[in-house]
PDB file of N, CA and C in Angstrom:
ATOM      1  N   UNK A   1     -93.181  -9.630 -90.275  1.00  0.00           N
ATOM      2  CA  UNK A   1     -93.076  -9.774 -91.608  1.00  0.00           C
ATOM      3  C   UNK A   1     -91.781  -9.296 -92.422  1.00  0.00           C
ATOM      4  N   UNK A   2     -92.147  -9.623 -93.507  1.00  0.00           N
ATOM      5  CA  UNK A   2     -90.523 -10.114 -94.247  1.00  0.00           C
ATOM      6  C   UNK A   2     -89.808  -8.167 -94.424  1.00  0.00           C
ATOM      7  N   UNK A   3     -90.521  -7.482 -94.374  1.00  0.00           N
ATOM      8  CA  UNK A   3     -89.563  -6.052 -94.214  1.00  0.00           C
ATOM      9  C   UNK A   3     -88.935  -5.596 -93.290  1.00  0.00           C
ATOM     10  N   UNK A   4     -89.185  -6.307 -91.560  1.00  0.00           N
ATOM     11  CA  UNK A   4     -88.851  -5.939 -90.931  1.00  0.00           C
ATOM     12  C   UNK A   4     -87.636  -7.108 -90.588  1.00  0.00           C
ATOM     13  N   UNK A   5     -87.172  -7.845 -91.278  1.00  0.00           N
ATOM     14  CA  UNK A   5     -86.260  -9.008 -90.861  1.00  0.00           C
ATOM     15  C   UNK A   5     -84.747  -8.575 -92.295  1.00  0.00           C
ATOM     16  N   UNK A   6     -83.656  -9.175 -91.830  1.00  0.00           N
ATOM     17  CA  UNK A   6     -82.655  -8.735 -92.390  1.00  0.00           C
ATOM     18  C   UNK A   6     -82.624  -8.893 -94.097  1.00  0.00           C
ATOM     19  N   UNK A   7     -83.641  -9.774 -94.394  1.00  0.00           N
ATOM     20  CA  UNK A   7     -83.639  -9.996 -95.614  1.00  0.00           C
ATOM     21  C   UNK A   7     -83.765  -9.055 -96.623  1.00  0.00           C
ATOM     22  N   UNK A   8     -84.663  -7.502 -95.936  1.00  0.00           N
ATOM     23  CA  UNK A   8     -84.709  -5.998 -96.730  1.00  0.00           C
ATOM     24  C   UNK A   8     -83.670  -5.223 -96.311  1.00  0.00           C
ATOM     25  N   UNK A   9     -83.195  -5.469 -95.227  1.00  0.00           N
ATOM     26  CA  UNK A   9     -81.827  -4.556 -94.796  1.00  0.00           C
ATOM     27  C   UNK A   9     -81.363  -4.017 -96.101  1.00  0.00           C
ATOM     28  N   UNK A  10     -80.696  -4.501 -97.160  1.00  0.00           N
ATOM     29  CA  UNK A  10     -80.166  -4.251 -97.932  1.00  0.00           C
ATOM     30  C   UNK A  10     -81.062  -3.208 -98.729  1.00  0.00           C
ATOM     31  N   UNK A  11     -82.107  -3.914 -99.351  1.00  0.00           N
ATOM     32  CA  UNK A  11     -82.862  -2.666 -99.829  1.00  0.00           C
ATOM     33  C   UNK A  11     -83.699  -1.384 -99.046  1.00  0.00           C
ATOM     34  N   UNK A  12     -83.573  -1.279 -98.094  1.00  0.00           N
ATOM     35  CA  UNK A  12     -83.683  -0.144 -97.022  1.00  0.00           C
ATOM     36  C   UNK A  12     -82.438   0.687 -97.131  1.00  0.00           C
ATOM     37  N   UNK A  13     -81.581   0.074 -97.226  1.00  0.00           N
ATOM     38  CA  UNK A  13     -80.142   0.791 -97.286  1.00  0.00           C
ATOM     39  C   UNK A  13     -80.202   1.679 -98.520  1.00  0.00           C
ATOM     40  N   UNK A  14     -80.143   0.783 -99.838  1.00  0.00           N
ATOM     41  CA  UNK A  14     -80.315   1.183-100.908  1.00  0.00           C
ATOM     42  C   UNK A  14     -81.167   2.479-101.095  1.00  0.00           C
ATOM     43  N   UNK A  15     -82.228   2.089-100.353  1.00  0.00           N
ATOM     44  CA  UNK A  15     -83.420   3.371-100.660  1.00  0.00           C
ATOM     45  C   UNK A  15     -82.879   4.303 -99.816  1.00  0.00           C
ATOM     46  N   UNK A  16     -82.190   3.963 -98.733  1.00  0.00           N
ATOM     47  CA  UNK A  16     -81.576   5.587 -98.127  1.00  0.00           C
ATOM     48  C   UNK A  16     -80.632   6.020 -98.938  1.00  0.00           C
ATOM     49  N   UNK A  17     -79.657   5.468 -99.336  1.00  0.00           N
ATOM     50  CA  UNK A  17     -78.545   5.833-100.112  1.00  0.00           C
ATOM     51  C   UNK A  17     -79.000   6.739-101.347  1.00  0.00           C
ATOM     52  N   UNK A  18     -80.265   5.902-102.179  1.00  0.00           N
ATOM     53  CA  UNK A  18     -80.872   6.764-103.177  1.00  0.00           C
ATOM     54  C   UNK A  18     -81.367   8.319-102.742  1.00  0.00           C
ATOM     55  N   UNK A  19     -82.095   8.506-101.463  1.00  0.00           N
ATOM     56  CA  UNK A  19     -82.954   9.573-101.282  1.00  0.00           C
ATOM     57  C   UNK A  19     -81.672  10.095-100.753  1.00  0.00           C
ATOM     58  N   UNK A  20     -80.595  10.059-100.268  1.00  0.00           N
ATOM     59  CA  UNK A  20     -79.293  10.922 -99.674  1.00  0.00           C
ATOM     60  C   UNK A  20     -78.963  11.557-101.094  1.00  0.00           C
ATOM     61  N   UNK A  21     -78.729  10.639-102.108  1.00  0.00           N
ATOM     62  CA  UNK A  21     -78.333  11.419-103.364  1.00  0.00           C
ATOM     63  C   UNK A  21     -78.982  12.109-104.135  1.00  0.00           C
ATOM     64  N   UNK A  22     -80.301  12.045-103.849  1.00  0.00           N
ATOM     65  CA  UNK A  22     -81.235  12.569-104.513  1.00  0.00           C
ATOM     66  C   UNK A  22     -81.635  14.186-103.898  1.00  0.00           C
ATOM     67  N   UNK A  23     -81.684  13.879-102.442  1.00  0.00           N
ATOM     68  CA  UNK A  23     -81.692  15.119-101.676  1.00  0.00           C
ATOM     69  C   UNK A  23     -80.463  15.941-102.075  1.00  0.00           C
ATOM     70  N   UNK A  24     -79.055  15.866-102.130  1.00  0.00           N
ATOM     71  CA  UNK A  24     -77.649  16.337-102.233  1.00  0.00           C
ATOM     72  C   UNK A  24     -78.146  17.052-103.516  1.00  0.00           C
ATOM     73  N   UNK A  25     -78.539  16.491-104.510  1.00  0.00           N
ATOM     74  CA  UNK A  25     -78.464  17.084-105.794  1.00  0.00           C
ATOM     75  C   UNK A  25     -79.437  18.329-105.516  1.00  0.00           C
ATOM     76  N   UNK A  26     -80.323  18.218-105.097  1.00  0.00           N
ATOM     77  CA  UNK A  26     -81.611  19.150-104.660  1.00  0.00           C
ATOM     78  C   UNK A  26     -80.786  21.043-103.955  1.00  0.00           C
ATOM     79  N   UNK A  27     -79.904  20.168-102.737  1.00  0.00           N
ATOM     80  CA  UNK A  27     -79.403  21.216-102.205  1.00  0.00           C
ATOM     81  C   UNK A  27     -78.179  21.713-103.478  1.00  0.00           C
ATOM     82  N   UNK A  28     -77.572  20.971-104.263  1.00  0.00           N
ATOM     83  CA  UNK A  28     -76.527  21.462-104.876  1.00  0.00           C
ATOM     84  C   UNK A  28     -77.454  22.612-105.669  1.00  0.00           C
ATOM     85  N   UNK A  29     -79.057  22.588-106.262  1.00  0.00           N
ATOM     86  CA  UNK A  29     -79.566  23.574-106.913  1.00  0.00           C
ATOM     87  C   UNK A  29     -79.785  24.176-106.061  1.00  0.00           C
ATOM     88  N   UNK A  30     -79.629  24.791-104.718  1.00  0.00           N
ATOM     89  CA  UNK A  30     -80.311  25.665-103.886  1.00  0.00           C
ATOM     90  C   UNK A  30     -81.552  25.418-103.342  1.00  0.00           C
ATOM     91  N   UNK A  31     -81.741  24.397-102.792  1.00  0.00           N
ATOM     92  CA  UNK A  31     -83.430  23.770-102.358  1.00  0.00           C
ATOM     93  C   UNK A  31     -83.080  23.439-101.231  1.00  0.00           C
ATOM     94  N   UNK A  32     -83.690  24.187-100.192  1.00  0.00           N
ATOM     95  CA  UNK A  32     -83.220  23.849 -98.944  1.00  0.00           C
ATOM     96  C   UNK A  32     -84.909  23.053 -98.286  1.00  0.00           C
ATOM     97  N   UNK A  33     -84.300  22.268 -97.361  1.00  0.00           N
ATOM     98  CA  UNK A  33     -85.928  21.869 -97.104  1.00  0.00           C
ATOM     99  C   UNK A  33     -85.411  20.782 -95.793  1.00  0.00           C
ATOM    100  N   UNK A  34     -86.037  20.284 -95.105  1.00  0.00           N
ATOM    101  CA  UNK A  34     -86.134  20.001 -93.820  1.00  0.00           C
ATOM    102  C   UNK A  34     -86.684  18.588 -93.829  1.00  0.00           C
ATOM    103  N   UNK A  35     -86.327  18.128 -92.196  1.00  0.00           N
ATOM    104  CA  UNK A  35     -86.460  16.735 -91.904  1.00  0.00           C
ATOM    105  C   UNK A  35     -88.191  16.100 -92.215  1.00  0.00           C
ATOM    106  N   UNK A  36     -88.893  17.006 -91.895  1.00  0.00           N
ATOM    107  CA  UNK A  36     -90.344  16.840 -91.733  1.00  0.00           C
ATOM    108  C   UNK A  36     -91.012  16.853 -93.284  1.00  0.00           C
ATOM    109  N   UNK A  37     -90.447  17.763 -94.074  1.00  0.00           N
ATOM    110  CA  UNK A  37     -90.718  17.991 -95.377  1.00  0.00           C
ATOM    111  C   UNK A  37     -90.453  16.502 -96.046  1.00  0.00           C
ATOM    112  N   UNK A  38     -89.221  16.171 -95.586  1.00  0.00           N
ATOM    113  CA  UNK A  38     -88.996  14.816 -96.659  1.00  0.00           C
ATOM    114  C   UNK A  38     -89.530  13.167 -95.944  1.00  0.00           C
ATOM    115  N   UNK A  39     -90.164  13.463 -94.713  1.00  0.00           N
ATOM    116  CA  UNK A  39     -90.916  12.398 -93.882  1.00  0.00           C
ATOM    117  C   UNK A  39     -92.025  12.830 -94.861  1.00  0.00           C
ATOM    118  N   UNK A  40     -92.708  13.864 -95.183  1.00  0.00           N
ATOM    119  CA  UNK A  40     -94.102  13.975 -95.755  1.00  0.00           C
ATOM    120  C   UNK A  40     -93.847  13.571 -96.942  1.00  0.00           C
ATOM    121  N   UNK A  41     -92.639  13.191 -97.376  1.00  0.00           N
ATOM    122  CA  UNK A  41     -93.191  13.145 -99.344  1.00  0.00           C
ATOM    123  C   UNK A  41     -92.845  11.522 -99.000  1.00  0.00           C
ATOM    124  N   UNK A  42     -92.131  10.939 -98.245  1.00  0.00           N
ATOM    125  CA  UNK A  42     -92.404   9.714 -97.916  1.00  0.00           C
ATOM    126  C   UNK A  42     -93.470   8.943 -97.483  1.00  0.00           C
ATOM    127  N   UNK A  43     -94.269   9.644 -96.944  1.00  0.00           N
ATOM    128  CA  UNK A  43     -95.745   9.178 -96.587  1.00  0.00           C
ATOM    129  C   UNK A  43     -96.422   9.515 -97.636  1.00  0.00           C
ATOM    130  N   UNK A  44     -96.294  10.314 -98.834  1.00  0.00           N
ATOM    131  CA  UNK A  44     -96.907  10.683 -99.623  1.00  0.00           C
ATOM    132  C   UNK A  44     -96.878   9.460-100.372  1.00  0.00           C
ATOM    133  N   UNK A  45     -95.774   8.845-100.802  1.00  0.00           N
ATOM    134  CA  UNK A  45     -95.634   7.502-101.518  1.00  0.00           C
ATOM    135  C   UNK A  45     -96.142   6.819-101.083  1.00  0.00           C
ATOM    136  N   UNK A  46     -96.098   6.311 -99.742  1.00  0.00           N
ATOM    137  CA  UNK A  46     -97.055   5.270 -98.780  1.00  0.00           C
ATOM    138  C   UNK A  46     -98.326   5.534 -99.155  1.00  0.00           C
ATOM    139  N   UNK A  47     -98.902   6.455 -99.288  1.00  0.00           N
ATOM    140  CA  UNK A  47    -100.039   7.011 -99.466  1.00  0.00           C
ATOM    141  C   UNK A  47    -100.546   6.358-100.981  1.00  0.00           C
ATOM    142  N   UNK A  48     -99.690   7.105-102.453  1.00  0.00           N
ATOM    143  CA  UNK A  48     -99.845   6.456-103.217  1.00  0.00           C
ATOM    144  C   UNK A  48     -99.747   5.252-103.494  1.00  0.00           C
ATOM    145  N   UNK A  49     -99.229   4.535-102.869  1.00  0.00           N
ATOM    146  CA  UNK A  49     -98.882   2.972-102.729  1.00  0.00           C
ATOM    147  C   UNK A  49    -100.189   2.354-102.170  1.00  0.00           C
ATOM    148  N   UNK A  50    -100.422   2.698-101.734  1.00  0.00           N
ATOM    149  CA  UNK A  50    -101.957   2.500-101.373  1.00  0.00           C
ATOM    150  C   UNK A  50    -103.079   2.949-101.633  1.00  0.00           C
ATOM    151  N   UNK A  51    -103.060   3.383-103.005  1.00  0.00           N
ATOM    152  CA  UNK A  51    -103.978   4.101-103.799  1.00  0.00           C
ATOM    153  C   UNK A  51    -104.389   5.216-103.565  1.00  0.00           C
ATOM    154  N   UNK A  52    -103.701   5.898-102.991  1.00  0.00           N
ATOM    155  CA  UNK A  52    -104.045   7.680-102.771  1.00  0.00           C
ATOM    156  C   UNK A  52    -103.788   8.120-103.613  1.00  0.00           C
ATOM    157  N   UNK A  53    -105.244   9.535-104.329  1.00  0.00           N
ATOM    158  CA  UNK A  53    -104.705  10.536-105.381  1.00  0.00           C
ATOM    159  C   UNK A  53    -104.007  11.128-104.347  1.00  0.00           C
ATOM    160  N   UNK A  54    -102.886  11.734-105.169  1.00  0.00           N
ATOM    161  CA  UNK A  54    -102.243  13.090-104.593  1.00  0.00           C
ATOM    162  C   UNK A  54    -102.535  14.436-105.625  1.00  0.00           C
ATOM    163  N   UNK A  55    -104.060  15.495-105.555  1.00  0.00           N
ATOM    164  CA  UNK A  55    -104.053  16.024-106.251  1.00  0.00           C
ATOM    165  C   UNK A  55    -103.550  17.637-105.822  1.00  0.00           C
ATOM    166  N   UNK A  56    -102.694  17.747-105.045  1.00  0.00           N
ATOM    167  CA  UNK A  56    -102.281  18.777-104.371  1.00  0.00           C
ATOM    168  C   UNK A  56    -101.515  19.617-105.449  1.00  0.00           C
ATOM    169  N   UNK A  57    -101.516  20.727-105.854  1.00  0.00           N
ATOM    170  CA  UNK A  57    -100.809  21.017-106.811  1.00  0.00           C
ATOM    171  C   UNK A  57     -99.017  21.848-106.104  1.00  0.00           C
ATOM    172  N   UNK A  58     -98.338  21.896-107.064  1.00  0.00           N
ATOM    173  CA  UNK A  58     -96.978  21.846-107.149  1.00  0.00           C
ATOM    174  C   UNK A  58     -96.787  23.554-107.828  1.00  0.00           C
ATOM    175  N   UNK A  59     -96.401  24.180-107.368  1.00  0.00           N
ATOM    176  CA  UNK A  59     -96.210  25.744-107.735  1.00  0.00           C
ATOM    177  C   UNK A  59     -94.696  26.131-107.596  1.00  0.00           C
ATOM    178  N   UNK A  60     -93.596  25.581-106.090  1.00  0.00           N
ATOM    179  CA  UNK A  60     -92.750  25.863-106.624  1.00  0.00           C
ATOM    180  C   UNK A  60     -91.633  24.998-106.572  1.00  0.00           C
ATOM    181  N   UNK A  61     -90.448  25.259-106.977  1.00  0.00           N
ATOM    182  CA  UNK A  61     -89.239  23.832-107.442  1.00  0.00           C
ATOM    183  C   UNK A  61     -88.734  23.468-106.190  1.00  0.00           C
ATOM    184  N   UNK A  62     -89.468  23.645-105.048  1.00  0.00           N
ATOM    185  CA  UNK A  62     -88.907  22.782-103.907  1.00  0.00           C
ATOM    186  C   UNK A  62     -90.477  21.812-103.690  1.00  0.00           C
ATOM    187  N   UNK A  63     -91.551  22.042-103.910  1.00  0.00           N
ATOM    188  CA  UNK A  63     -92.479  21.400-104.036  1.00  0.00           C
ATOM    189  C   UNK A  63     -92.657  20.166-105.394  1.00  0.00           C
ATOM    190  N   UNK A  64     -92.041  20.839-106.218  1.00  0.00           N
ATOM    191  CA  UNK A  64     -91.838  19.733-107.724  1.00  0.00           C
ATOM    192  C   UNK A  64     -90.640  18.936-107.414  1.00  0.00           C
ATOM    193  N   UNK A  65     -89.849  18.958-106.800  1.00  0.00           N
ATOM    194  CA  UNK A  65     -88.653  18.236-106.232  1.00  0.00           C
ATOM    195  C   UNK A  65     -89.149  17.701-105.043  1.00  0.00           C
ATOM    196  N   UNK A  66     -89.642  18.054-103.941  1.00  0.00           N
ATOM    197  CA  UNK A  66     -89.866  16.519-103.324  1.00  0.00           C
ATOM    198  C   UNK A  66     -91.531  15.865-103.663  1.00  0.00           C
ATOM    199  N   UNK A  67     -91.903  16.542-104.832  1.00  0.00           N
ATOM    200  CA  UNK A  67     -92.679  15.358-105.531  1.00  0.00           C
ATOM    201  C   UNK A  67     -91.989  14.143-106.121  1.00  0.00           C
ATOM    202  N   UNK A  68     -90.609  15.030-107.015  1.00  0.00           N
ATOM    203  CA  UNK A  68     -89.917  13.473-107.274  1.00  0.00           C
ATOM    204  C   UNK A  68     -88.907  12.726-106.220  1.00  0.00           C
ATOM    205  N   UNK A  69     -89.257  13.226-105.030  1.00  0.00           N
ATOM    206  CA  UNK A  69     -88.891  11.869-104.017  1.00  0.00           C
ATOM    207  C   UNK A  69     -89.772  10.984-103.938  1.00  0.00           C
ATOM    208  N   UNK A  70     -91.296  11.638-103.609  1.00  0.00           N
ATOM    209  CA  UNK A  70     -92.037  10.349-103.879  1.00  0.00           C
ATOM    210  C   UNK A  70     -92.010   9.612-105.081  1.00  0.00           C
ATOM    211  N   UNK A  71     -92.097  10.050-106.097  1.00  0.00           N
ATOM    212  CA  UNK A  71     -92.169   9.359-107.306  1.00  0.00           C
ATOM    213  C   UNK A  71     -90.943   8.401-107.161  1.00  0.00           C
ATOM    214  N   UNK A  72     -89.571   8.840-106.845  1.00  0.00           N
ATOM    215  CA  UNK A  72     -88.244   8.300-107.044  1.00  0.00           C
ATOM    216  C   UNK A  72     -88.837   6.969-105.791  1.00  0.00           C
ATOM    217  N   UNK A  73     -89.192   7.048-104.823  1.00  0.00           N
ATOM    218  CA  UNK A  73     -89.645   5.714-104.112  1.00  0.00           C
ATOM    219  C   UNK A  73     -90.726   5.004-104.863  1.00  0.00           C
ATOM    220  N   UNK A  74     -91.332   5.313-105.084  1.00  0.00           N
ATOM    221  CA  UNK A  74     -92.055   4.042-106.010  1.00  0.00           C
ATOM    222  C   UNK A  74     -91.716   3.629-106.850  1.00  0.00           C
ATOM    223  N   UNK A  75     -90.917   4.157-107.722  1.00  0.00           N
ATOM    224  CA  UNK A  75     -90.414   3.621-108.932  1.00  0.00           C
ATOM    225  C   UNK A  75     -89.188   2.502-108.305  1.00  0.00           C
ATOM    226  N   UNK A  76     -88.581   2.488-107.333  1.00  0.00           N
ATOM    227  CA  UNK A  76     -87.761   1.644-106.950  1.00  0.00           C
ATOM    228  C   UNK A  76     -87.726   0.730-106.855  1.00  0.00           C
ATOM    229  N   UNK A  77     -89.164   0.310-106.319  1.00  0.00           N
ATOM    230  CA  UNK A  77     -89.826  -0.952-105.866  1.00  0.00           C
ATOM    231  C   UNK A  77     -89.744  -1.963-107.481  1.00  0.00           C
ATOM    232  N   UNK A  78     -89.690  -1.069-108.551  1.00  0.00           N
ATOM    233  CA  UNK A  78     -89.494  -1.847-109.751  1.00  0.00           C
ATOM    234  C   UNK A  78     -88.448  -2.821-109.936  1.00  0.00           C
ATOM    235  N   UNK A  79     -87.284  -2.460-109.382  1.00  0.00           N
ATOM    236  CA  UNK A  79     -86.369  -3.082-109.476  1.00  0.00           C
ATOM    237  C   UNK A  79     -85.836  -3.933-108.059  1.00  0.00           C
ATOM    238  N   UNK A  80     -86.788  -4.010-107.207  1.00  0.00           N
ATOM    239  CA  UNK A  80     -86.490  -4.966-105.920  1.00  0.00           C
ATOM    240  C   UNK A  80     -87.817  -6.456-106.350  1.00  0.00           C
ATOM    241  N   UNK A  81     -86.924  -7.907-106.225  1.00  0.00           N
ATOM    242  CA  UNK A  81     -87.714  -8.545-106.263  1.00  0.00           C
ATOM    243  C   UNK A  81     -87.735  -9.695-104.903  1.00  0.00           C
ATOM    244  N   UNK A  82     -88.962 -10.338-104.643  1.00  0.00           N
ATOM    245  CA  UNK A  82     -88.814 -11.436-104.000  1.00  0.00           C
ATOM    246  C   UNK A  82     -89.155 -12.463-104.646  1.00  0.00           C
ATOM    247  N   UNK A  83     -88.929 -13.993-103.987  1.00  0.00           N
ATOM    248  CA  UNK A  83     -88.902 -14.985-104.287  1.00  0.00           C
ATOM    249  C   UNK A  83     -90.966 -15.466-103.987  1.00  0.00           C
ATOM    250  N   UNK A  84     -91.840 -15.566-105.137  1.00  0.00           N
ATOM    251  CA  UNK A  84     -93.214 -16.095-104.845  1.00  0.00           C
ATOM    252  C   UNK A  84     -93.749 -16.910-105.666  1.00  0.00           C
ATOM    253  N   UNK A  85     -94.281 -17.583-104.720  1.00  0.00           N
ATOM    254  CA  UNK A  85     -95.216 -18.579-105.548  1.00  0.00           C
ATOM    255  C   UNK A  85     -96.238 -18.524-106.538  1.00  0.00           C
ATOM    256  N   UNK A  86     -96.440 -18.841-107.563  1.00  0.00           N
ATOM    257  CA  UNK A  86     -97.302 -19.025-108.672  1.00  0.00           C
ATOM    258  C   UNK A  86     -98.490 -19.697-108.540  1.00  0.00           C
ATOM    259  N   UNK A  87     -99.358 -19.494-109.371  1.00  0.00           N
ATOM    260  CA  UNK A  87    -100.738 -20.237-108.766  1.00  0.00           C
ATOM    261  C   UNK A  87    -100.570 -21.844-109.092  1.00  0.00           C
ATOM    262  N   UNK A  88     -99.379 -21.878-110.136  1.00  0.00           N
ATOM    263  CA  UNK A  88     -99.513 -23.772-110.226  1.00  0.00           C
ATOM    264  C   UNK A  88     -98.054 -23.954-108.837  1.00  0.00           C
ATOM    265  N   UNK A  89     -97.743 -23.079-108.143  1.00  0.00           N
ATOM    266  CA  UNK A  89     -97.081 -23.790-106.777  1.00  0.00           C
ATOM    267  C   UNK A  89     -95.432 -23.702-107.340  1.00  0.00           C
ATOM    268  N   UNK A  90     -95.000 -22.863-108.411  1.00  0.00           N
ATOM    269  CA  UNK A  90     -93.778 -23.224-108.634  1.00  0.00           C
ATOM    270  C   UNK A  90     -93.221 -21.460-108.390  1.00  0.00           C
ATOM    271  N   UNK A  91     -92.400 -21.695-107.708  1.00  0.00           N
ATOM    272  CA  UNK A  91     -91.559 -20.303-106.958  1.00  0.00           C
ATOM    273  C   UNK A  91     -90.977 -19.541-108.672  1.00  0.00           C
ATOM    274  N   UNK A  92     -91.163 -18.269-108.135  1.00  0.00           N
ATOM    275  CA  UNK A  92     -90.557 -17.304-109.255  1.00  0.00           C
ATOM    276  C   UNK A  92     -90.207 -16.259-108.622  1.00  0.00           C
ATOM    277  N   UNK A  93     -89.585 -15.298-109.028  1.00  0.00           N
ATOM    278  CA  UNK A  93     -88.926 -13.859-108.888  1.00  0.00           C
ATOM    279  C   UNK A  93     -89.970 -12.932-109.239  1.00  0.00           C
ATOM    280  N   UNK A  94     -90.853 -11.887-108.103  1.00  0.00           N
ATOM    281  CA  UNK A  94     -91.692 -11.468-108.768  1.00  0.00           C
ATOM    282  C   UNK A  94     -91.242  -9.993-108.527  1.00  0.00           C
ATOM    283  N   UNK A  95     -91.782  -8.757-108.735  1.00  0.00           N
ATOM    284  CA  UNK A  95     -91.347  -7.689-107.889  1.00  0.00           C
ATOM    285  C   UNK A  95     -92.255  -7.660-106.234  1.00  0.00           C
ATOM    286  N   UNK A  96     -91.105  -6.959-105.411  1.00  0.00           N
ATOM    287  CA  UNK A  96     -92.196  -7.261-103.918  1.00  0.00           C
ATOM    288  C   UNK A  96     -93.555  -6.518-104.015  1.00  0.00           C
ATOM    289  N   UNK A  97     -94.235  -7.288-103.462  1.00  0.00           N
ATOM    290  CA  UNK A  97     -95.513  -7.230-103.190  1.00  0.00           C
ATOM    291  C   UNK A  97     -95.715  -5.776-102.521  1.00  0.00           C
ATOM    292  N   UNK A  98     -97.030  -4.795-102.706  1.00  0.00           N
ATOM    293  CA  UNK A  98     -97.070  -3.860-102.213  1.00  0.00           C
ATOM    294  C   UNK A  98     -97.028  -3.657-101.015  1.00  0.00           C
ATOM    295  N   UNK A  99     -97.605  -4.391-100.196  1.00  0.00           N
ATOM    296  CA  UNK A  99     -97.495  -4.807 -98.681  1.00  0.00           C
ATOM    297  C   UNK A  99     -95.889  -4.666 -98.245  1.00  0.00           C
ATOM    298  N   UNK A 100     -95.203  -5.105 -98.805  1.00  0.00           N
ATOM    299  CA  UNK A 100     -93.753  -5.293 -98.561  1.00  0.00           C
ATOM    300  C   UNK A 100     -93.221  -3.812 -98.833  1.00  0.00           C
ATOM    301  N   UNK A 101     -93.216  -3.481-100.259  1.00  0.00           N
ATOM    302  CA  UNK A 101     -92.704  -2.207-100.317  1.00  0.00           C
ATOM    303  C   UNK A 101     -93.126  -1.171 -99.446  1.00  0.00           C
ATOM    304  N   UNK A 102     -94.208  -1.241 -98.863  1.00  0.00           N
ATOM    305  CA  UNK A 102     -94.819  -0.082 -97.841  1.00  0.00           C
ATOM    306  C   UNK A 102     -94.287  -0.468 -96.677  1.00  0.00           C
ATOM    307  N   UNK A 103     -94.024  -1.673 -96.141  1.00  0.00           N
ATOM    308  CA  UNK A 103     -92.957  -2.082 -94.998  1.00  0.00           C
ATOM    309  C   UNK A 103     -91.502  -1.152 -94.936  1.00  0.00           C
ATOM    310  N   UNK A 104     -91.272  -1.144 -96.222  1.00  0.00           N
ATOM    311  CA  UNK A 104     -89.819  -0.626 -96.785  1.00  0.00           C
ATOM    312  C   UNK A 104     -89.750   0.581 -96.582  1.00  0.00           C
ATOM    313  N   UNK A 105     -90.875   1.199 -97.008  1.00  0.00           N
ATOM    314  CA  UNK A 105     -90.871   2.709 -97.045  1.00  0.00           C
ATOM    315  C   UNK A 105     -91.158   3.279 -95.482  1.00  0.00           C
ATOM    316  N   UNK A 106     -91.640   2.125 -95.023  1.00  0.00           N
ATOM    317  CA  UNK A 106     -92.263   3.004 -93.435  1.00  0.00           C
ATOM    318  C   UNK A 106     -91.005   2.682 -92.622  1.00  0.00           C
ATOM    319  N   UNK A 107     -89.795   1.860 -92.814  1.00  0.00           N
ATOM    320  CA  UNK A 107     -88.540   1.705 -92.459  1.00  0.00           C
ATOM    321  C   UNK A 107     -87.559   2.987 -92.734  1.00  0.00           C
ATOM    322  N   UNK A 108     -87.920   3.215 -94.167  1.00  0.00           N
ATOM    323  CA  UNK A 108     -86.779   3.994 -94.419  1.00  0.00           C
ATOM    324  C   UNK A 108     -87.710   5.505 -93.436  1.00  0.00           C
ATOM    325  N   UNK A 109     -88.842   5.669 -93.238  1.00  0.00           N
ATOM    326  CA  UNK A 109     -89.836   6.622 -92.719  1.00  0.00           C
ATOM    327  C   UNK A 109     -88.978   6.973 -91.282  1.00  0.00           C
ATOM    328  N   UNK A 110     -88.871   5.754 -90.693  1.00  0.00           N
ATOM    329  CA  UNK A 110     -88.652   5.933 -89.145  1.00  0.00           C
ATOM    330  C   UNK A 110     -87.147   6.264 -89.150  1.00  0.00           C
ATOM    331  N   UNK A 111     -86.127   5.656 -90.313  1.00  0.00           N
ATOM    332  CA  UNK A 111     -84.963   5.914 -90.240  1.00  0.00           C
ATOM    333  C   UNK A 111     -84.420   7.802 -90.196  1.00  0.00           C
ATOM    334  N   UNK A 112     -85.606   8.099 -91.629  1.00  0.00           N
ATOM    335  CA  UNK A 112     -85.239   9.997 -92.084  1.00  0.00           C
ATOM    336  C   UNK A 112     -85.912  10.512 -90.501  1.00  0.00           C
ATOM    337  N   UNK A 113     -87.251   9.960 -90.389  1.00  0.00           N
ATOM    338  CA  UNK A 113     -87.447  10.841 -88.859  1.00  0.00           C
ATOM    339  C   UNK A 113     -86.608  10.899 -87.703  1.00  0.00           C
ATOM    340  N   UNK A 114     -85.844   9.753 -87.552  1.00  0.00           N
ATOM    341  CA  UNK A 114     -84.957  10.085 -86.022  1.00  0.00           C
ATOM    342  C   UNK A 114     -84.261  10.821 -86.358  1.00  0.00           C
TER     343      UNK A 114
END
């Protein structure tokens, strides 16, 4: 699968760096979280990417912040492109597919979970 090979390794590294930067902002605001909560935010991003609705209430700054992690991971897809053939067989650069992005997030989850 594409996300598992080296082609997307820089993307996964960028995701990891973006996540660390965002989490450091939370720490500077006094928001404490553990790895399990961050992994859960990644899981929510994967679920939303696959069409799930997340109707959980966000009541604390920490919950809003972790929801921001989920949204950030979904938004990052818009800046990642891959060559794809259109209906006429011409190659074009398009945003990575949902399947590839889900794989990238899955790899990020593994890194974050370990």
